[in-house]
Amino acid sequence: MENVQWTNDDFQVFSINGLDERMQALTTIIRPKFHLLGEHFATYFSTTTGDEFFPHVAKHARRTINPPKDSWVAFAPYKRGYKALPHFQIGLWGTHLFIVVAVIYEAPQKAEMAERLLANITQFDKLTDDYVISGDHMSPDVTPLEKEQLQKLLTRLRDVKKGEFLVGRHLTVEQATAMSADEFLAFAEETFDMLVPIYNTIIGK
């Protein structure tokens, strides 16, 4: 694939005022990188999981007033969408880059997914200390991967209609922009290598 190297310009897109202005910058600066990563990692997930995966670059099409605060490319084994399925993402906020596997509130079988994760909670012990968790894909805030907080988020995913669960790694702007294209690709693949077994548990594979 062509090189994808992150720059300060990528993250500064989210400081641009105005919906049209920010969307224009997203389209010209960030989206081409997401499309390249989309092609590469759709192949990676298809090979790694044995299911055909498709990339979904965020369009932010429903926005009419507020400019997007983050953007991403998602990966799922369904061509027409990803939100109702467990999915992987690479994305940016103005403050950091994220690489995660996610179950968000649109998923119709969240309770069963949460039960499987709770039953296999020791699986998370294999993740390194730099993995973080979140219960809200609309917020940049995360918490360290600690047993008590993990149990709490997974229980909420099971019991609360709006419950969500994300786990993965973040890179600060400084960390992401210091990486060469090859270093970032290796980091992303290493992260997903660790997340695929969790994804398999989520889907009951």
Protein backbone atom coordinates (compact mmCIF):
# COMPACT_ATOMS: atom_id res chain seq x y z
CA MET A 1 0.00 0.00 0.00
CA GLU A 2 1.00 3.63 -0.33
CA ASN A 3 2.56 5.19 2.75
CA VAL A 4 0.27 6.61 5.42
CA GLN A 5 2.19 8.95 7.67
CA TRP A 6 0.39 11.16 10.16
CA THR A 7 1.15 14.88 10.39
CA ASN A 8 0.03 17.72 12.65
CA ASP A 9 -2.20 18.90 9.80
CA ASP A 10 -4.30 15.75 10.15
CA PHE A 11 -5.11 16.49 13.79
CA GLN A 12 -5.51 20.24 13.29
CA VAL A 13 -8.43 19.57 10.92
CA PHE A 14 -10.60 19.25 14.04
CA SER A 15 -9.73 22.82 15.06
CA ILE A 16 -11.11 24.32 11.82
CA ASN A 17 -14.23 26.39 12.40
CA GLY A 18 -17.39 25.82 10.36
CA LEU A 19 -19.04 22.62 9.12
CA ASP A 20 -18.27 23.16 5.42
CA GLU A 21 -14.69 24.22 6.07
CA ARG A 22 -13.94 21.28 8.35
CA MET A 23 -15.64 18.80 6.03
CA GLN A 24 -13.60 20.11 3.11
CA ALA A 25 -10.38 19.61 5.09
CA LEU A 26 -11.50 16.14 6.19
CA THR A 27 -12.20 15.20 2.59
CA THR A 28 -8.88 16.42 1.22
CA ILE A 29 -6.45 15.78 4.09
CA ILE A 30 -7.62 12.82 6.18
CA ARG A 31 -10.02 10.78 4.06
CA PRO A 32 -7.43 9.68 1.46
CA LYS A 33 -5.38 8.16 4.29
CA PHE A 34 -8.43 6.35 5.66
CA HIS A 35 -9.16 4.92 2.20
CA LEU A 36 -5.61 3.57 1.95
CA LEU A 37 -5.80 2.06 5.43
CA GLY A 38 -9.25 0.74 4.54
CA GLU A 39 -7.95 -1.25 1.59
CA HIS A 40 -4.99 -2.62 3.52
CA PHE A 41 -6.82 -3.67 6.67
CA ALA A 42 -9.91 -5.02 4.92
CA THR A 43 -7.54 -7.54 3.37
CA TYR A 44 -5.79 -8.08 6.72
CA PHE A 45 -9.09 -8.84 8.54
CA SER A 46 -10.39 -11.03 5.72
CA THR A 47 -7.21 -13.09 5.88
CA THR A 48 -6.97 -13.13 9.68
CA THR A 49 -10.61 -13.95 10.48
CA GLY A 50 -11.58 -16.01 7.43
CA ASP A 51 -14.60 -13.74 6.85
CA GLU A 52 -14.69 -11.11 4.12
CA PHE A 53 -14.33 -7.64 5.65
CA PHE A 54 -15.18 -4.27 4.12
CA PRO A 55 -13.89 -0.79 4.94
CA HIS A 56 -16.30 2.01 5.85
CA VAL A 57 -14.86 5.53 5.84
CA ALA A 58 -16.95 7.95 7.93
CA LYS A 59 -19.02 10.29 5.76
CA HIS A 60 -20.62 12.44 8.51
CA ALA A 61 -23.51 12.83 6.06
CA ARG A 62 -26.21 13.65 8.63
CA ARG A 63 -24.43 16.70 9.99
CA THR A 64 -26.04 20.03 9.15
CA ILE A 65 -24.68 22.38 11.82
CA ASN A 66 -21.97 20.99 14.09
CA PRO A 67 -18.67 19.96 12.46
CA PRO A 68 -17.41 16.46 13.35
CA LYS A 69 -15.07 16.22 16.32
CA ASP A 70 -13.55 12.93 15.16
CA SER A 71 -13.39 10.73 12.08
CA TRP A 72 -12.48 7.15 11.27
CA VAL A 73 -12.40 4.14 9.00
CA ALA A 74 -14.30 1.10 10.34
CA PHE A 75 -14.04 -2.55 9.32
CA ALA A 76 -16.85 -5.11 9.43
CA PRO A 77 -17.92 -8.25 7.51
CA TYR A 78 -20.86 -6.47 5.89
CA LYS A 79 -20.66 -4.25 2.82
CA ARG A 80 -23.61 -1.98 3.56
CA GLY A 81 -22.75 -0.91 7.10
CA TYR A 82 -20.97 -1.66 10.33
CA LYS A 83 -22.73 0.00 13.30
CA ALA A 84 -25.00 -2.95 14.11
CA LEU A 85 -22.01 -5.30 14.16
CA PRO A 86 -18.90 -5.56 16.31
CA HIS A 87 -16.27 -3.71 14.29
CA PHE A 88 -12.70 -2.47 14.24
CA GLN A 89 -11.72 1.18 13.79
CA ILE A 90 -8.74 3.41 13.12
CA GLY A 91 -9.62 7.03 13.78
CA LEU A 92 -8.61 10.48 14.92
CA TRP A 93 -9.73 13.02 17.47
CA GLY A 94 -7.92 16.35 17.63
CA THR A 95 -5.94 15.03 20.60
CA HIS A 96 -5.08 11.48 19.61
CA LEU A 97 -5.35 8.54 17.22
CA PHE A 98 -7.30 5.42 18.23
CA ILE A 99 -7.18 1.78 17.14
CA VAL A 100 -10.04 -0.23 18.66
CA VAL A 101 -12.58 -2.99 18.46
CA ALA A 102 -16.05 -1.71 19.33
CA VAL A 103 -19.59 -2.78 20.14
CA ILE A 104 -21.90 0.25 20.05
CA TYR A 105 -25.53 0.71 21.02
CA GLU A 106 -26.92 -0.18 17.56
CA ALA A 107 -25.80 -3.81 17.95
CA PRO A 108 -28.96 -5.89 18.51
CA GLN A 109 -27.23 -8.75 20.35
CA LYS A 110 -25.23 -6.67 22.83
CA ALA A 111 -26.35 -8.65 25.87
CA GLU A 112 -25.12 -11.96 24.45
CA MET A 113 -21.85 -10.35 23.35
CA ALA A 114 -21.31 -8.91 26.82
CA GLU A 115 -22.04 -12.29 28.43
CA ARG A 116 -19.41 -13.95 26.26
CA LEU A 117 -16.84 -11.31 27.20
CA LEU A 118 -17.68 -11.57 30.90
CA ALA A 119 -17.34 -15.36 30.74
CA ASN A 120 -13.92 -14.96 29.13
CA ILE A 121 -12.74 -11.88 31.02
CA THR A 122 -9.30 -13.37 31.70
CA GLN A 123 -8.66 -13.00 27.96
CA PHE A 124 -8.03 -9.30 28.61
CA ASP A 125 -5.04 -10.22 30.81
CA LYS A 126 -3.07 -10.87 27.62
CA LEU A 127 -3.28 -7.21 26.59
CA THR A 128 -0.39 -4.91 27.45
CA ASP A 129 -0.63 -1.99 29.88
CA ASP A 130 -1.15 0.58 27.13
CA TYR A 131 -4.61 -0.76 26.19
CA VAL A 132 -7.55 1.38 27.25
CA ILE A 133 -11.33 0.91 27.48
CA SER A 134 -14.37 3.11 26.98
CA GLY A 135 -18.14 2.92 27.25
CA ASP A 136 -18.95 5.76 24.84
CA HIS A 137 -17.77 5.99 21.23
CA MET A 138 -18.91 9.64 21.10
CA SER A 139 -16.40 10.70 23.77
CA PRO A 140 -12.59 10.90 23.54
CA ASP A 141 -12.29 9.92 27.21
CA VAL A 142 -11.00 6.46 28.14
CA THR A 143 -9.92 4.60 31.26
CA PRO A 144 -6.99 2.23 31.82
CA LEU A 145 -7.71 -1.44 31.32
CA GLU A 146 -8.35 -2.44 34.93
CA LYS A 147 -10.41 -5.44 36.05
CA GLU A 148 -12.98 -3.52 38.10
CA GLN A 149 -13.70 -0.93 35.41
CA LEU A 150 -13.73 -3.63 32.72
CA GLN A 151 -16.34 -5.63 34.65
CA LYS A 152 -18.41 -2.48 35.14
CA LEU A 153 -18.38 -1.56 31.43
CA LEU A 154 -19.20 -5.08 30.29
CA THR A 155 -22.06 -5.32 32.77
CA ARG A 156 -23.41 -2.00 31.48
CA LEU A 157 -23.05 -3.26 27.90
CA ARG A 158 -25.22 -6.23 28.88
CA ASP A 159 -27.86 -4.43 30.96
CA VAL A 160 -28.21 -0.90 29.56
CA LYS A 161 -29.75 -0.16 26.17
CA LYS A 162 -27.25 2.62 25.43
CA GLY A 163 -24.30 0.63 26.80
CA GLU A 164 -21.21 0.41 24.59
CA PHE A 165 -17.76 -1.12 24.83
CA LEU A 166 -14.51 -0.20 23.11
CA VAL A 167 -11.03 -1.55 23.77
CA GLY A 168 -7.77 -0.73 22.03
CA ARG A 169 -4.78 1.56 21.98
CA HIS A 170 -4.32 5.31 21.59
CA LEU A 171 -1.43 7.35 20.25
CA THR A 172 -1.01 10.99 21.23
CA VAL A 173 -0.49 13.49 18.41
CA GLU A 174 3.20 13.53 19.29
CA GLN A 175 3.49 9.74 19.21
CA ALA A 176 1.55 9.36 15.96
CA THR A 177 3.42 12.08 14.07
CA ALA A 178 6.80 10.74 15.25
CA MET A 179 6.14 7.35 13.62
CA SER A 180 7.21 6.52 10.09
CA ALA A 181 4.58 4.99 7.82
CA ASP A 182 6.10 1.54 8.34
CA GLU A 183 6.21 1.98 12.11
CA PHE A 184 2.54 2.99 12.24
CA LEU A 185 1.48 0.08 10.06
CA ALA A 186 3.39 -2.35 12.29
CA PHE A 187 1.86 -0.78 15.41
CA ALA A 188 -1.67 -0.99 13.99
CA GLU A 189 -1.22 -4.62 12.91
CA GLU A 190 0.22 -5.56 16.30
CA THR A 191 -2.76 -3.91 18.00
CA PHE A 192 -5.28 -5.70 15.81
CA ASP A 193 -3.44 -9.02 16.27
CA MET A 194 -4.21 -8.66 19.99
CA LEU A 195 -7.81 -7.54 19.42
CA VAL A 196 -8.90 -10.22 16.94
CA PRO A 197 -9.21 -12.92 19.67
CA ILE A 198 -11.45 -10.55 21.65
CA TYR A 199 -13.52 -9.92 18.51
CA ASN A 200 -13.84 -13.69 18.04
CA THR A 201 -15.15 -14.00 21.61
CA ILE A 202 -17.65 -11.19 20.97
CA ILE A 203 -19.11 -12.95 17.94
CA GLY A 204 -18.96 -16.39 19.56
CA LYS A 205 -16.42 -17.81 17.14
